[in-house]
Protein backbone atom coordinates (compact mmCIF):
# COMPACT_ATOMS: atom_id res chain seq x y z
CA MET A 1 95.11 153.83 53.86
CA LEU A 2 95.86 150.70 56.34
CA LEU A 3 95.13 152.85 59.36
CA GLU A 4 92.03 154.03 57.73
CA GLN A 5 90.66 150.17 57.32
CA GLY A 6 91.49 150.02 60.86
CA TYR A 7 94.80 148.17 60.82
CA GLU A 8 97.80 148.69 63.29
CA VAL A 9 100.77 150.33 61.17
CA ARG A 10 104.45 149.95 62.64
CA LYS A 11 106.82 151.30 60.26
CA ALA A 12 110.84 150.79 60.42
CA ILE A 13 113.39 152.90 58.21
CA ASP A 14 116.18 150.29 57.33
CA GLY A 15 116.41 146.50 57.53
CA GLN A 16 117.73 146.02 60.54
CA MET A 17 114.89 147.99 62.15
CA ALA A 18 112.29 145.82 60.42
CA LEU A 19 114.47 142.76 61.97
CA LYS A 20 114.56 143.94 65.39
CA SER A 21 110.97 145.17 65.46
CA VAL A 22 109.28 141.03 64.10
CA HIS A 23 111.76 140.50 66.92
CA LEU A 24 109.99 141.84 69.32
CA GLU A 25 106.70 142.14 68.49
CA PRO A 26 105.84 139.37 65.58
CA PRO A 27 103.25 141.29 63.26
CA ASP A 28 100.98 139.07 61.18
CA LEU A 29 102.10 140.27 58.25
CA ILE A 30 105.09 141.74 56.69
CA LEU A 31 104.88 144.47 53.85
CA LEU A 32 108.51 144.58 52.42
CA ASP A 33 109.89 147.19 50.32
CA ILE A 34 112.91 145.79 48.17
CA ARG A 35 114.97 149.02 47.68
CA MET A 36 116.04 149.62 51.17
CA PRO A 37 119.01 151.46 52.68
CA GLU A 38 121.98 149.33 53.74
CA MET A 39 120.28 145.49 53.39
CA ASN A 40 117.31 144.77 50.55
CA GLY A 41 114.14 143.51 51.12
CA TYR A 42 115.85 140.17 50.02
CA GLU A 43 117.76 140.25 52.26
CA VAL A 44 116.00 140.85 55.50
CA CYS A 45 113.60 138.47 54.18
CA GLN A 46 115.52 135.93 53.86
CA GLN A 47 117.07 136.51 57.57
CA LEU A 48 113.07 136.73 58.39
CA LYS A 49 112.97 132.82 56.89
CA ALA A 50 115.71 131.40 58.62
CA SER A 51 114.43 132.15 61.52
CA GLU A 52 112.38 130.16 63.73
CA GLN A 53 110.17 132.47 65.39
CA THR A 54 109.65 134.47 61.55
CA LYS A 55 109.29 132.35 58.90
CA GLU A 56 105.82 131.51 59.57
CA ILE A 57 105.09 135.28 59.11
CA PRO A 58 103.22 136.41 55.16
CA VAL A 59 105.46 138.98 53.41
CA ILE A 60 104.76 140.79 50.52
CA PHE A 61 107.72 142.54 48.31
CA LEU A 62 106.54 145.97 47.26
CA SER A 63 109.02 148.60 44.28
CA ARG A 64 108.47 151.76 44.11
């Protein structure tokens, strides 16, 4: 849906991959699933907000 509206979208299969991706190329917004393998969305968010590089990026939580 976001691609159809012209947004650039990147996908990460787990929390560690998401953190690496965000630090390599910080996005304007993060849509974060609460339930992920190995590290849940709250833990990922906690690490993002603890980093000077990523703490200002808005996060929207999703759940299935």
